[in-house]
Amino acid sequence: MVDFDSGQRLQEQLLEELLARDDTKGYALFCEHPATVTIGRQGSRADLLAEPVDFTAREMPTQWINRPGGTWVHTPGQLAAYVLLPIDRKGWSLLEHRTRLETALVSLATEFKAPALSHPESPGLAGRCGQFAFIGTGCRRGITHQGMFINVSIPPPALRLVDWGTHDGRVSTLAAHRRAPTALSSVREAFVRHLAAALDYPRYHLTTGHPSLRRTVRKVYVFTQPAAHSA
């Protein structure tokens, strides 16, 4: 669990480090965030479907962020994957980079027996229940930043707080698409493999945590699933 602002600061630090190098090595950061709403360059306050008091009660800050994409909810149960790569040195355009990210998402969905497709108007991945993965990646001085958010097992009340800007108005989770409980840890492990393959990194090194990250101390609002009722 990484505070959203701490994750953004770490990206800035790593981006500056990559700019000072001349190789093709990069970074991918994987985490969950406490309940937060971010509004990207294609989003607006009109996308907020709940009253301000509702966000305040849930201790969910709303932040404007310089990334492609619209208004998205971040909460436990969603896998955030930030990818920082020197695509200029790899000879890729930003479009090719995004296509490779979508390839990794398709491979992930296939492994979990949840076939899904991307859509040009809503970068990411959508299944029969709606879009469950979102891509909002940008490029600064040849280095990519930001990345992807995969709704693994977010309860429906969290999904309904904003208009996610999907091409058909539907948003869902990987667990709903599979109709089965889905552990975020399993999705993370699989996605690391598929992302490395899609980005042509046959060798990679995994670490846990980072000295620059501060553990979040604010309360984490946990959305709960509705209770099941027996007949």
C-alpha atoms as a PDB file:
ATOM      1  CA  MET A   1       0.000   0.000   0.000  1.00  0.00           C
ATOM      2  CA  VAL A   2       1.650   3.231  -1.186  1.00  0.00           C
ATOM      3  CA  ASP A   3       0.350   6.738  -0.632  1.00  0.00           C
ATOM      4  CA  PHE A   4      -0.470   8.222  -4.045  1.00  0.00           C
ATOM      5  CA  ASP A   5       1.742  11.308  -3.633  1.00  0.00           C
ATOM      6  CA  SER A   6       4.692   9.197  -2.489  1.00  0.00           C
ATOM      7  CA  GLY A   7       4.334   7.053  -5.596  1.00  0.00           C
ATOM      8  CA  GLN A   8       4.336  10.128  -7.814  1.00  0.00           C
ATOM      9  CA  ARG A   9       7.466  11.517  -6.147  1.00  0.00           C
ATOM     10  CA  LEU A  10       9.273   8.209  -6.597  1.00  0.00           C
ATOM     11  CA  GLN A  11       8.402   8.259 -10.299  1.00  0.00           C
ATOM     12  CA  GLU A  12       9.917  11.740 -10.615  1.00  0.00           C
ATOM     13  CA  GLN A  13      13.080  10.571  -8.885  1.00  0.00           C
ATOM     14  CA  LEU A  14      13.468   7.510 -11.098  1.00  0.00           C
ATOM     15  CA  LEU A  15      12.687   9.506 -14.244  1.00  0.00           C
ATOM     16  CA  GLU A  16      15.548  11.894 -13.480  1.00  0.00           C
ATOM     17  CA  GLU A  17      17.831   8.908 -12.882  1.00  0.00           C
ATOM     18  CA  LEU A  18      16.927   7.406 -16.271  1.00  0.00           C
ATOM     19  CA  LEU A  19      17.553  10.735 -18.015  1.00  0.00           C
ATOM     20  CA  ALA A  20      21.090  10.740 -16.642  1.00  0.00           C
ATOM     21  CA  ARG A  21      21.831   7.304 -18.122  1.00  0.00           C
ATOM     22  CA  ASP A  22      22.371   6.128 -21.702  1.00  0.00           C
ATOM     23  CA  ASP A  23      21.239   2.480 -21.578  1.00  0.00           C
ATOM     24  CA  THR A  24      17.824   0.888 -22.152  1.00  0.00           C
ATOM     25  CA  LYS A  25      17.145  -0.246 -18.604  1.00  0.00           C
ATOM     26  CA  GLY A  26      13.909   0.875 -17.008  1.00  0.00           C
ATOM     27  CA  TYR A  27      11.646   0.513 -13.989  1.00  0.00           C
ATOM     28  CA  ALA A  28       8.171  -0.834 -13.297  1.00  0.00           C
ATOM     29  CA  LEU A  29       6.512  -0.017  -9.983  1.00  0.00           C
ATOM     30  CA  PHE A  30       3.616  -2.141  -8.671  1.00  0.00           C
ATOM     31  CA  CYS A  31       1.447  -1.184  -5.722  1.00  0.00           C
ATOM     32  CA  GLU A  32      -2.019  -0.483  -4.342  1.00  0.00           C
ATOM     33  CA  HIS A  33      -3.207   2.963  -3.240  1.00  0.00           C
ATOM     34  CA  PRO A  34      -5.482   4.123  -0.410  1.00  0.00           C
ATOM     35  CA  ALA A  35      -8.846   5.413  -1.639  1.00  0.00           C
ATOM     36  CA  THR A  36      -8.125   8.356  -3.967  1.00  0.00           C
ATOM     37  CA  VAL A  37      -9.667   9.915  -7.080  1.00  0.00           C
ATOM     38  CA  THR A  38      -7.442  11.277  -9.852  1.00  0.00           C
ATOM     39  CA  ILE A  39      -8.563  13.429 -12.772  1.00  0.00           C
ATOM     40  CA  GLY A  40      -6.418  13.163 -15.909  1.00  0.00           C
ATOM     41  CA  ARG A  41      -6.176  15.444 -18.916  1.00  0.00           C
ATOM     42  CA  GLN A  42      -9.397  14.084 -20.465  1.00  0.00           C
ATOM     43  CA  GLY A  43     -11.334  14.271 -17.197  1.00  0.00           C
ATOM     44  CA  SER A  44     -13.294  16.976 -15.382  1.00  0.00           C
ATOM     45  CA  ARG A  45     -15.170  17.573 -12.147  1.00  0.00           C
ATOM     46  CA  ALA A  46     -18.343  16.652 -14.035  1.00  0.00           C
ATOM     47  CA  ASP A  47     -17.090  13.050 -13.881  1.00  0.00           C
ATOM     48  CA  LEU A  48     -17.578  12.978 -10.098  1.00  0.00           C
ATOM     49  CA  LEU A  49     -20.915  11.223  -9.588  1.00  0.00           C
ATOM     50  CA  ALA A  50     -21.088  11.531  -5.804  1.00  0.00           C
ATOM     51  CA  GLU A  51     -21.507  14.634  -3.658  1.00  0.00           C
ATOM     52  CA  PRO A  52     -18.364  16.261  -2.189  1.00  0.00           C
ATOM     53  CA  VAL A  53     -19.519  15.211   1.281  1.00  0.00           C
ATOM     54  CA  ASP A  54     -19.449  11.568   0.171  1.00  0.00           C
ATOM     55  CA  PHE A  55     -15.794  11.804  -0.823  1.00  0.00           C
ATOM     56  CA  THR A  56     -15.009  13.644   2.396  1.00  0.00           C
ATOM     57  CA  ALA A  57     -16.734  10.979   4.486  1.00  0.00           C
ATOM     58  CA  ARG A  58     -14.608   8.311   2.805  1.00  0.00           C
ATOM     59  CA  GLU A  59     -11.453  10.438   3.235  1.00  0.00           C
ATOM     60  CA  MET A  60     -10.909  10.262  -0.526  1.00  0.00           C
ATOM     61  CA  PRO A  61      -8.886  13.216  -1.829  1.00  0.00           C
ATOM     62  CA  THR A  62      -9.420  14.322  -5.425  1.00  0.00           C
ATOM     63  CA  GLN A  63      -6.269  15.173  -7.358  1.00  0.00           C
ATOM     64  CA  TRP A  64      -5.647  16.627 -10.793  1.00  0.00           C
ATOM     65  CA  ILE A  65      -2.781  14.794 -12.463  1.00  0.00           C
ATOM     66  CA  ASN A  66      -0.850  15.282 -15.680  1.00  0.00           C
ATOM     67  CA  ARG A  67      -1.582  11.964 -17.359  1.00  0.00           C
ATOM     68  CA  PRO A  68      -3.716  10.852 -20.303  1.00  0.00           C
ATOM     69  CA  GLY A  69      -7.114   9.454 -19.457  1.00  0.00           C
ATOM     70  CA  GLY A  70     -10.129  10.601 -17.533  1.00  0.00           C
ATOM     71  CA  THR A  71     -11.309  10.365 -13.937  1.00  0.00           C
ATOM     72  CA  TRP A  72     -10.466   7.166 -12.102  1.00  0.00           C
ATOM     73  CA  VAL A  73     -10.875   5.746  -8.606  1.00  0.00           C
ATOM     74  CA  HIS A  74      -7.887   4.147  -6.871  1.00  0.00           C
ATOM     75  CA  THR A  75      -8.496   1.890  -3.893  1.00  0.00           C
ATOM     76  CA  PRO A  76      -7.273  -1.381  -2.376  1.00  0.00           C
ATOM     77  CA  GLY A  77      -8.123  -4.168  -4.785  1.00  0.00           C
ATOM     78  CA  GLN A  78      -6.719  -2.262  -7.766  1.00  0.00           C
ATOM     79  CA  LEU A  79      -3.210  -3.005  -9.067  1.00  0.00           C
ATOM     80  CA  ALA A  80      -1.306   0.134 -10.089  1.00  0.00           C
ATOM     81  CA  ALA A  81       1.605  -0.455 -12.486  1.00  0.00           C
ATOM     82  CA  TYR A  82       3.841   2.504 -13.342  1.00  0.00           C
ATOM     83  CA  VAL A  83       6.288   1.944 -16.206  1.00  0.00           C
ATOM     84  CA  LEU A  84       9.350   4.153 -16.749  1.00  0.00           C
ATOM     85  CA  LEU A  85      11.279   3.277 -19.906  1.00  0.00           C
ATOM     86  CA  PRO A  86      13.650   5.146 -22.269  1.00  0.00           C
ATOM     87  CA  ILE A  87      11.553   4.436 -25.364  1.00  0.00           C
ATOM     88  CA  ASP A  88      13.650   6.768 -27.535  1.00  0.00           C
ATOM     89  CA  ARG A  89      16.694   4.562 -26.925  1.00  0.00           C
ATOM     90  CA  LYS A  90      14.606   1.471 -27.643  1.00  0.00           C
ATOM     91  CA  GLY A  91      13.393   2.987 -30.911  1.00  0.00           C
ATOM     92  CA  TRP A  92       9.702   2.965 -29.977  1.00  0.00           C
ATOM     93  CA  SER A  93       7.000   5.558 -30.419  1.00  0.00           C
ATOM     94  CA  LEU A  94       4.577   6.247 -27.576  1.00  0.00           C
ATOM     95  CA  LEU A  95       1.882   4.461 -29.608  1.00  0.00           C
ATOM     96  CA  GLU A  96       4.039   1.314 -29.880  1.00  0.00           C
ATOM     97  CA  HIS A  97       4.721   1.496 -26.154  1.00  0.00           C
ATOM     98  CA  ARG A  98       0.987   1.660 -25.426  1.00  0.00           C
ATOM     99  CA  THR A  99       0.362  -1.251 -27.802  1.00  0.00           C
ATOM    100  CA  ARG A 100       2.922  -3.327 -25.906  1.00  0.00           C
ATOM    101  CA  LEU A 101       1.219  -2.487 -22.609  1.00  0.00           C
ATOM    102  CA  GLU A 102      -2.086  -3.665 -24.069  1.00  0.00           C
ATOM    103  CA  THR A 103      -0.382  -6.866 -25.260  1.00  0.00           C
ATOM    104  CA  ALA A 104       0.720  -7.543 -21.673  1.00  0.00           C
ATOM    105  CA  LEU A 105      -2.836  -6.951 -20.435  1.00  0.00           C
ATOM    106  CA  VAL A 106      -4.298  -9.325 -23.048  1.00  0.00           C
ATOM    107  CA  SER A 107      -1.783 -12.013 -22.052  1.00  0.00           C
ATOM    108  CA  LEU A 108      -2.709 -11.523 -18.402  1.00  0.00           C
ATOM    109  CA  ALA A 109      -6.428 -11.879 -19.128  1.00  0.00           C
ATOM    110  CA  THR A 110      -5.778 -14.982 -21.224  1.00  0.00           C
ATOM    111  CA  GLU A 111      -3.827 -16.627 -18.402  1.00  0.00           C
ATOM    112  CA  PHE A 112      -6.730 -15.988 -16.044  1.00  0.00           C
ATOM    113  CA  LYS A 113      -9.175 -17.421 -18.603  1.00  0.00           C
ATOM    114  CA  ALA A 114     -10.880 -14.059 -18.979  1.00  0.00           C
ATOM    115  CA  PRO A 115     -10.483 -13.111 -22.662  1.00  0.00           C
ATOM    116  CA  ALA A 116     -10.819  -9.389 -23.251  1.00  0.00           C
ATOM    117  CA  LEU A 117     -10.116  -6.773 -25.907  1.00  0.00           C
ATOM    118  CA  SER A 118      -8.710  -3.259 -26.083  1.00  0.00           C
ATOM    119  CA  HIS A 119     -10.613  -0.339 -27.624  1.00  0.00           C
ATOM    120  CA  PRO A 120      -9.007   2.688 -29.361  1.00  0.00           C
ATOM    121  CA  GLU A 121     -11.306   5.122 -27.561  1.00  0.00           C
ATOM    122  CA  SER A 122     -10.612   3.659 -24.105  1.00  0.00           C
ATOM    123  CA  PRO A 123      -6.979   2.491 -23.812  1.00  0.00           C
ATOM    124  CA  GLY A 124      -6.862  -0.566 -21.608  1.00  0.00           C
ATOM    125  CA  LEU A 125      -8.849  -3.788 -21.620  1.00  0.00           C
ATOM    126  CA  ALA A 126     -12.568  -4.615 -21.481  1.00  0.00           C
ATOM    127  CA  GLY A 127     -14.467  -7.854 -21.056  1.00  0.00           C
ATOM    128  CA  ARG A 128     -18.102  -8.891 -21.126  1.00  0.00           C
ATOM    129  CA  CYS A 129     -18.881  -6.851 -17.963  1.00  0.00           C
ATOM    130  CA  GLY A 130     -17.073  -3.687 -19.007  1.00  0.00           C
ATOM    131  CA  GLN A 131     -13.602  -2.182 -18.903  1.00  0.00           C
ATOM    132  CA  PHE A 132     -11.422  -3.378 -16.028  1.00  0.00           C
ATOM    133  CA  ALA A 133      -7.931  -2.161 -17.039  1.00  0.00           C
ATOM    134  CA  PHE A 134      -6.966   1.417 -17.885  1.00  0.00           C
ATOM    135  CA  ILE A 135      -3.853   2.850 -19.536  1.00  0.00           C
ATOM    136  CA  GLY A 136      -2.750   6.415 -18.890  1.00  0.00           C
ATOM    137  CA  THR A 137       0.892   6.580 -19.941  1.00  0.00           C
ATOM    138  CA  GLY A 138       2.817   9.638 -21.068  1.00  0.00           C
ATOM    139  CA  CYS A 139       6.337  10.489 -22.220  1.00  0.00           C
ATOM    140  CA  ARG A 140       8.710  13.180 -21.027  1.00  0.00           C
ATOM    141  CA  ARG A 141      12.018  13.773 -22.809  1.00  0.00           C
ATOM    142  CA  GLY A 142      11.966  10.232 -24.176  1.00  0.00           C
ATOM    143  CA  ILE A 143      11.103   8.547 -20.838  1.00  0.00           C
ATOM    144  CA  THR A 144       7.658   7.076 -20.225  1.00  0.00           C
ATOM    145  CA  HIS A 145       5.877   7.643 -16.941  1.00  0.00           C
ATOM    146  CA  GLN A 146       2.535   6.805 -15.316  1.00  0.00           C
ATOM    147  CA  GLY A 147       1.074   3.537 -16.605  1.00  0.00           C
ATOM    148  CA  MET A 148      -1.840   1.208 -15.913  1.00  0.00           C
ATOM    149  CA  PHE A 149      -4.519   0.441 -13.351  1.00  0.00           C
ATOM    150  CA  ILE A 150      -6.143  -2.986 -13.192  1.00  0.00           C
ATOM    151  CA  ASN A 151      -9.390  -3.300 -11.240  1.00  0.00           C
ATOM    152  CA  VAL A 152      -8.890  -6.756  -9.775  1.00  0.00           C
ATOM    153  CA  SER A 153     -11.538  -6.961  -7.043  1.00  0.00           C
ATOM    154  CA  ILE A 154     -12.980  -3.510  -6.301  1.00  0.00           C
ATOM    155  CA  PRO A 155     -16.501  -3.570  -4.781  1.00  0.00           C
ATOM    156  CA  PRO A 156     -19.228  -2.026  -7.005  1.00  0.00           C
ATOM    157  CA  PRO A 157     -19.853   1.013  -4.737  1.00  0.00           C
ATOM    158  CA  ALA A 158     -16.338   2.289  -5.481  1.00  0.00           C
ATOM    159  CA  LEU A 159     -16.802   1.832  -9.224  1.00  0.00           C
ATOM    160  CA  ARG A 160     -19.938   3.978  -9.198  1.00  0.00           C
ATOM    161  CA  LEU A 161     -18.331   7.058  -7.654  1.00  0.00           C
ATOM    162  CA  VAL A 162     -17.061   8.483 -10.969  1.00  0.00           C
ATOM    163  CA  ASP A 163     -17.625   8.352 -14.710  1.00  0.00           C
ATOM    164  CA  TRP A 164     -14.545   6.411 -15.840  1.00  0.00           C
ATOM    165  CA  GLY A 165     -14.849   7.600 -19.449  1.00  0.00           C
ATOM    166  CA  THR A 166     -15.138   4.148 -21.032  1.00  0.00           C
ATOM    167  CA  HIS A 167     -16.303   3.886 -24.639  1.00  0.00           C
ATOM    168  CA  ASP A 168     -19.574   2.174 -23.653  1.00  0.00           C
ATOM    169  CA  GLY A 169     -20.072   3.612 -20.170  1.00  0.00           C
ATOM    170  CA  ARG A 170     -19.419   0.304 -18.391  1.00  0.00           C
ATOM    171  CA  VAL A 171     -16.676  -0.388 -15.851  1.00  0.00           C
ATOM    172  CA  SER A 172     -15.985  -3.623 -14.018  1.00  0.00           C
ATOM    173  CA  THR A 173     -13.328  -5.806 -12.422  1.00  0.00           C
ATOM    174  CA  LEU A 174     -11.280  -8.801 -13.448  1.00  0.00           C
ATOM    175  CA  ALA A 175     -12.947 -10.866 -10.703  1.00  0.00           C
ATOM    176  CA  ALA A 176     -16.420 -10.028 -12.047  1.00  0.00           C
ATOM    177  CA  HIS A 177     -15.307 -10.917 -15.572  1.00  0.00           C
ATOM    178  CA  ARG A 178     -14.020 -14.282 -14.346  1.00  0.00           C
ATOM    179  CA  ARG A 179     -16.967 -14.846 -11.979  1.00  0.00           C
ATOM    180  CA  ALA A 180     -14.464 -16.079  -9.422  1.00  0.00           C
ATOM    181  CA  PRO A 181     -12.497 -14.686  -6.471  1.00  0.00           C
ATOM    182  CA  THR A 182      -9.208 -13.276  -7.747  1.00  0.00           C
ATOM    183  CA  ALA A 183      -6.212 -12.554  -5.512  1.00  0.00           C
ATOM    184  CA  LEU A 184      -4.359  -9.365  -6.333  1.00  0.00           C
ATOM    185  CA  SER A 185      -1.058 -11.034  -5.421  1.00  0.00           C
ATOM    186  CA  SER A 186      -1.627 -13.667  -8.137  1.00  0.00           C
ATOM    187  CA  VAL A 187      -2.465 -10.985 -10.704  1.00  0.00           C
ATOM    188  CA  ARG A 188       0.638  -9.017  -9.774  1.00  0.00           C
ATOM    189  CA  GLU A 189       2.931 -12.038 -10.121  1.00  0.00           C
ATOM    190  CA  ALA A 190       1.492 -12.931 -13.525  1.00  0.00           C
ATOM    191  CA  PHE A 191       1.493  -9.356 -14.801  1.00  0.00           C
ATOM    192  CA  VAL A 192       5.177  -8.875 -13.970  1.00  0.00           C
ATOM    193  CA  ARG A 193       5.967 -11.807 -16.277  1.00  0.00           C
ATOM    194  CA  HIS A 194       3.717 -10.707 -19.120  1.00  0.00           C
ATOM    195  CA  LEU A 195       4.846  -7.077 -18.927  1.00  0.00           C
ATOM    196  CA  ALA A 196       8.527  -8.038 -19.038  1.00  0.00           C
ATOM    197  CA  ALA A 197       7.881 -10.210 -22.098  1.00  0.00           C
ATOM    198  CA  ALA A 198       5.836  -7.550 -23.921  1.00  0.00           C
ATOM    199  CA  LEU A 199       8.508  -4.911 -23.284  1.00  0.00           C
ATOM    200  CA  ASP A 200      11.396  -7.168 -24.389  1.00  0.00           C
ATOM    201  CA  TYR A 201      13.054  -7.545 -20.994  1.00  0.00           C
ATOM    202  CA  PRO A 202      13.898 -11.261 -20.702  1.00  0.00           C
ATOM    203  CA  ARG A 203      15.971 -10.500 -17.599  1.00  0.00           C
ATOM    204  CA  TYR A 204      14.662  -8.435 -14.719  1.00  0.00           C
ATOM    205  CA  HIS A 205      15.273  -7.995 -11.005  1.00  0.00           C
ATOM    206  CA  LEU A 206      12.530  -7.823  -8.385  1.00  0.00           C
ATOM    207  CA  THR A 207      12.766  -5.853  -5.141  1.00  0.00           C
ATOM    208  CA  THR A 208      10.251  -4.982  -2.454  1.00  0.00           C
ATOM    209  CA  GLY A 209       9.828  -1.430  -1.195  1.00  0.00           C
ATOM    210  CA  HIS A 210      12.064   1.571  -1.823  1.00  0.00           C
ATOM    211  CA  PRO A 211      14.039   3.815   0.571  1.00  0.00           C
ATOM    212  CA  SER A 212      12.303   6.918  -0.811  1.00  0.00           C
ATOM    213  CA  LEU A 213       8.803   5.645  -0.034  1.00  0.00           C
ATOM    214  CA  ARG A 214       7.089   6.688   3.160  1.00  0.00           C
ATOM    215  CA  ARG A 215       4.477   4.391   4.648  1.00  0.00           C
ATOM    216  CA  THR A 216       1.087   6.047   4.490  1.00  0.00           C
ATOM    217  CA  VAL A 217      -0.354   7.074   7.845  1.00  0.00           C
ATOM    218  CA  ARG A 218      -3.784   8.274   6.769  1.00  0.00           C
ATOM    219  CA  LYS A 219      -6.792   6.049   7.242  1.00  0.00           C
ATOM    220  CA  VAL A 220      -7.646   3.644   4.456  1.00  0.00           C
ATOM    221  CA  TYR A 221     -11.348   3.514   3.615  1.00  0.00           C
ATOM    222  CA  VAL A 222     -12.306  -0.053   2.746  1.00  0.00           C
ATOM    223  CA  PHE A 223     -15.304  -0.603   0.483  1.00  0.00           C
ATOM    224  CA  THR A 224     -17.213  -3.740   1.399  1.00  0.00           C
ATOM    225  CA  GLN A 225     -19.219  -6.089  -0.757  1.00  0.00           C
ATOM    226  CA  PRO A 226     -22.983  -6.229  -0.059  1.00  0.00           C
ATOM    227  CA  ALA A 227     -23.898  -9.044   2.320  1.00  0.00           C
ATOM    228  CA  ALA A 228     -25.301 -12.165   0.710  1.00  0.00           C
ATOM    229  CA  HIS A 229     -28.865 -13.111   1.651  1.00  0.00           C
ATOM    230  CA  SER A 230     -30.074 -16.685   1.684  1.00  0.00           C
ATOM    231  CA  ALA A 231     -33.550 -17.552   0.464  1.00  0.00           C
END
